[in-house]
Amino acid sequence: MKEEMWTFEDLKEYLEKSKENEPEIPFLLNGKKYMIIRFKDKVSFQRFGETLEEQSGEVFFKDLDTLYHTETIDGVLLERD
């Protein structure tokens, strides 16, 4: 199964056009599950899973652009990864 590659523009468009109150983008990267959530005034990034060991807790960023260009949980840099 081929992994779908999202560009920064894809992420931004999805989050801006979503009719959901707090749209989420879950994805798999390097065998770990992550999620981006857009809130009214910020975005969050987190690793999630079934157990506490698999979860990271949320890290907040002022906007998607800041998240995209910042190395965060597990050394993930969305711009690169």
N, C-alpha and C. Protein backbone atom coordinates (compact mmCIF):
# COMPACT_ATOMS: atom_id res chain seq x y z
N MET A 1 0.84 -1.19 0.00
CA MET A 1 0.00 0.00 0.00
C MET A 1 0.88 1.25 0.00
N LYS A 2 0.64 2.14 -0.91
CA LYS A 2 1.44 3.35 -1.04
C LYS A 2 0.98 4.40 -0.04
N GLU A 3 1.96 5.04 0.65
CA GLU A 3 1.63 6.11 1.59
C GLU A 3 1.32 7.37 0.81
N GLU A 4 0.29 8.08 1.24
CA GLU A 4 -0.08 9.35 0.62
C GLU A 4 0.81 10.45 1.19
N MET A 5 1.38 11.27 0.31
CA MET A 5 2.23 12.36 0.73
C MET A 5 1.45 13.66 0.68
N TRP A 6 1.40 14.36 1.80
CA TRP A 6 0.70 15.64 1.86
C TRP A 6 1.73 16.76 1.82
N THR A 7 1.45 17.79 1.05
CA THR A 7 2.29 18.98 1.05
C THR A 7 1.79 19.94 2.12
N PHE A 8 2.58 20.96 2.40
CA PHE A 8 2.15 22.00 3.33
C PHE A 8 0.84 22.61 2.86
N GLU A 9 0.72 22.86 1.57
CA GLU A 9 -0.50 23.44 1.01
C GLU A 9 -1.70 22.53 1.21
N ASP A 10 -1.49 21.20 1.06
CA ASP A 10 -2.57 20.24 1.29
C ASP A 10 -3.06 20.31 2.74
N LEU A 11 -2.11 20.31 3.67
CA LEU A 11 -2.46 20.37 5.10
C LEU A 11 -3.24 21.65 5.40
N LYS A 12 -2.71 22.75 4.93
CA LYS A 12 -3.33 24.06 5.20
C LYS A 12 -4.74 24.12 4.61
N GLU A 13 -4.89 23.69 3.38
CA GLU A 13 -6.19 23.73 2.72
C GLU A 13 -7.20 22.86 3.46
N TYR A 14 -6.80 21.65 3.83
CA TYR A 14 -7.71 20.76 4.55
C TYR A 14 -8.16 21.38 5.87
N LEU A 15 -7.22 21.89 6.64
CA LEU A 15 -7.56 22.47 7.94
C LEU A 15 -8.42 23.71 7.81
N GLU A 16 -8.19 24.51 6.79
CA GLU A 16 -8.97 25.73 6.60
C GLU A 16 -10.37 25.46 6.06
N LYS A 17 -10.50 24.45 5.22
CA LYS A 17 -11.80 24.18 4.59
C LYS A 17 -12.66 23.20 5.37
N SER A 18 -12.09 22.56 6.39
CA SER A 18 -12.84 21.57 7.15
C SER A 18 -14.02 22.22 7.84
N LYS A 19 -15.15 21.54 7.80
CA LYS A 19 -16.35 22.04 8.45
C LYS A 19 -16.42 21.60 9.92
N GLU A 20 -15.49 20.75 10.31
CA GLU A 20 -15.43 20.31 11.70
C GLU A 20 -15.00 21.46 12.59
N ASN A 21 -15.42 21.43 13.85
CA ASN A 21 -15.06 22.47 14.80
C ASN A 21 -13.56 22.48 15.07
N GLU A 22 -12.98 21.33 15.28
CA GLU A 22 -11.54 21.18 15.51
C GLU A 22 -11.03 20.06 14.61
N PRO A 23 -10.76 20.37 13.34
CA PRO A 23 -10.36 19.32 12.40
C PRO A 23 -9.06 18.66 12.80
N GLU A 24 -8.99 17.36 12.54
CA GLU A 24 -7.82 16.56 12.90
C GLU A 24 -7.25 15.91 11.65
N ILE A 25 -5.93 15.80 11.63
CA ILE A 25 -5.25 15.05 10.57
C ILE A 25 -4.38 14.00 11.25
N PRO A 26 -4.86 12.75 11.32
CA PRO A 26 -4.02 11.68 11.85
C PRO A 26 -3.16 11.11 10.72
N PHE A 27 -1.92 10.72 11.05
CA PHE A 27 -1.05 10.14 10.03
C PHE A 27 0.00 9.25 10.68
N LEU A 28 0.58 8.39 9.87
CA LEU A 28 1.61 7.46 10.30
C LEU A 28 2.94 7.94 9.72
N LEU A 29 3.96 8.03 10.57
CA LEU A 29 5.29 8.45 10.14
C LEU A 29 6.31 7.63 10.89
N ASN A 30 7.17 6.95 10.17
CA ASN A 30 8.22 6.11 10.77
C ASN A 30 7.64 5.11 11.78
N GLY A 31 6.48 4.54 11.45
CA GLY A 31 5.85 3.52 12.28
C GLY A 31 5.14 4.04 13.52
N LYS A 32 5.04 5.36 13.68
CA LYS A 32 4.36 5.95 14.84
C LYS A 32 3.17 6.78 14.35
N LYS A 33 2.13 6.84 15.20
CA LYS A 33 0.92 7.58 14.86
C LYS A 33 0.99 8.99 15.44
N TYR A 34 0.72 9.97 14.58
CA TYR A 34 0.72 11.37 14.99
C TYR A 34 -0.60 12.01 14.58
N MET A 35 -0.85 13.19 15.16
CA MET A 35 -2.06 13.91 14.82
C MET A 35 -1.82 15.42 14.92
N ILE A 36 -2.38 16.13 13.96
CA ILE A 36 -2.41 17.58 13.99
C ILE A 36 -3.87 17.98 14.19
N ILE A 37 -4.11 18.91 15.11
CA ILE A 37 -5.46 19.41 15.35
C ILE A 37 -5.43 20.93 15.25
N ARG A 38 -6.36 21.49 14.50
CA ARG A 38 -6.46 22.96 14.40
C ARG A 38 -7.53 23.44 15.38
N PHE A 39 -7.13 24.36 16.22
CA PHE A 39 -8.04 25.04 17.12
C PHE A 39 -8.25 26.45 16.57
N LYS A 40 -9.13 27.20 17.18
CA LYS A 40 -9.44 28.54 16.69
C LYS A 40 -8.20 29.44 16.64
N ASP A 41 -7.32 29.36 17.64
CA ASP A 41 -6.19 30.28 17.73
C ASP A 41 -4.83 29.59 17.78
N LYS A 42 -4.76 28.28 17.47
CA LYS A 42 -3.49 27.55 17.52
C LYS A 42 -3.66 26.19 16.86
N VAL A 43 -2.56 25.46 16.72
CA VAL A 43 -2.60 24.08 16.27
C VAL A 43 -1.82 23.23 17.26
N SER A 44 -2.19 21.96 17.36
CA SER A 44 -1.44 21.07 18.24
C SER A 44 -0.89 19.91 17.42
N PHE A 45 0.16 19.33 17.96
CA PHE A 45 0.82 18.17 17.36
C PHE A 45 1.06 17.18 18.48
N GLN A 46 0.78 15.91 18.22
CA GLN A 46 0.99 14.89 19.25
C GLN A 46 1.19 13.52 18.63
N ARG A 47 1.86 12.66 19.39
CA ARG A 47 1.95 11.24 19.05
C ARG A 47 0.86 10.56 19.85
N PHE A 48 0.14 9.64 19.25
CA PHE A 48 -0.93 8.97 19.99
C PHE A 48 -0.85 7.47 19.80
N GLY A 49 -1.54 6.75 20.66
CA GLY A 49 -1.56 5.30 20.60
C GLY A 49 -2.44 4.74 21.69
N GLU A 50 -2.43 3.43 21.78
CA GLU A 50 -3.28 2.72 22.73
C GLU A 50 -2.79 2.82 24.18
N THR A 51 -1.47 2.87 24.36
CA THR A 51 -0.92 2.90 25.72
C THR A 51 -0.31 4.26 26.02
N LEU A 52 -0.11 4.55 27.29
CA LEU A 52 0.51 5.81 27.69
C LEU A 52 1.91 5.95 27.13
N GLU A 53 2.63 4.84 27.01
CA GLU A 53 3.99 4.87 26.47
C GLU A 53 4.01 5.31 25.01
N GLU A 54 2.92 5.03 24.28
CA GLU A 54 2.84 5.41 22.88
C GLU A 54 2.42 6.86 22.69
N GLN A 55 1.92 7.50 23.73
CA GLN A 55 1.40 8.86 23.65
C GLN A 55 2.44 9.88 24.09
N SER A 56 2.35 11.08 23.53
CA SER A 56 3.32 12.12 23.88
C SER A 56 2.72 13.29 24.63
N GLY A 57 1.44 13.49 24.53
CA GLY A 57 0.84 14.73 25.01
C GLY A 57 0.91 15.75 23.90
N GLU A 58 0.09 16.78 23.97
CA GLU A 58 0.03 17.79 22.92
C GLU A 58 1.10 18.86 23.08
N VAL A 59 1.65 19.29 21.95
CA VAL A 59 2.54 20.43 21.89
C VAL A 59 1.82 21.45 21.01
N PHE A 60 1.72 22.69 21.49
CA PHE A 60 0.95 23.72 20.78
C PHE A 60 1.85 24.69 20.03
N PHE A 61 1.36 25.13 18.88
CA PHE A 61 2.05 26.09 18.03
C PHE A 61 1.06 27.17 17.63
N LYS A 62 1.57 28.38 17.38
CA LYS A 62 0.67 29.50 17.08
C LYS A 62 -0.07 29.31 15.76
N ASP A 63 0.54 28.57 14.82
CA ASP A 63 -0.11 28.31 13.53
C ASP A 63 0.56 27.13 12.84
N LEU A 64 -0.04 26.69 11.74
CA LEU A 64 0.49 25.54 11.01
C LEU A 64 1.87 25.81 10.44
N ASP A 65 2.10 27.03 9.98
CA ASP A 65 3.40 27.38 9.43
C ASP A 65 4.52 27.19 10.45
N THR A 66 4.28 27.61 11.68
CA THR A 66 5.28 27.44 12.75
C THR A 66 5.52 25.97 13.03
N LEU A 67 4.44 25.19 13.14
CA LEU A 67 4.59 23.74 13.36
C LEU A 67 5.37 23.11 12.21
N TYR A 68 5.03 23.44 10.99
CA TYR A 68 5.63 22.82 9.82
C TYR A 68 7.14 23.03 9.76
N HIS A 69 7.62 24.15 10.29
CA HIS A 69 9.04 24.48 10.22
C HIS A 69 9.79 24.31 11.54
N THR A 70 9.19 23.62 12.52
CA THR A 70 9.80 23.43 13.83
C THR A 70 10.00 21.94 14.10
N GLU A 71 11.20 21.55 14.52
CA GLU A 71 11.42 20.17 14.93
C GLU A 71 10.72 19.96 16.26
N THR A 72 9.95 18.89 16.35
CA THR A 72 9.11 18.67 17.52
C THR A 72 9.23 17.22 18.02
N ILE A 73 8.19 16.67 18.55
CA ILE A 73 8.16 15.34 19.16
C ILE A 73 8.90 14.32 18.29
N ASP A 74 9.75 13.52 18.91
CA ASP A 74 10.51 12.46 18.24
C ASP A 74 11.42 13.00 17.13
N GLY A 75 11.75 14.28 17.17
CA GLY A 75 12.60 14.88 16.16
C GLY A 75 11.89 15.09 14.83
N VAL A 76 10.57 15.00 14.82
CA VAL A 76 9.80 15.17 13.59
C VAL A 76 9.87 16.63 13.14
N LEU A 77 10.21 16.81 11.89
CA LEU A 77 10.18 18.12 11.23
C LEU A 77 9.34 17.93 9.98
N LEU A 78 8.10 18.40 10.01
CA LEU A 78 7.18 18.13 8.91
C LEU A 78 7.71 18.62 7.57
N GLU A 79 8.41 19.72 7.57
CA GLU A 79 8.99 20.25 6.34
C GLU A 79 9.91 19.22 5.68
N ARG A 80 10.60 18.46 6.46
CA ARG A 80 11.58 17.47 5.97
C ARG A 80 10.97 16.07 5.86
N ASP A 81 10.17 15.69 6.86
CA ASP A 81 9.70 14.31 6.97
C ASP A 81 8.39 14.07 6.22
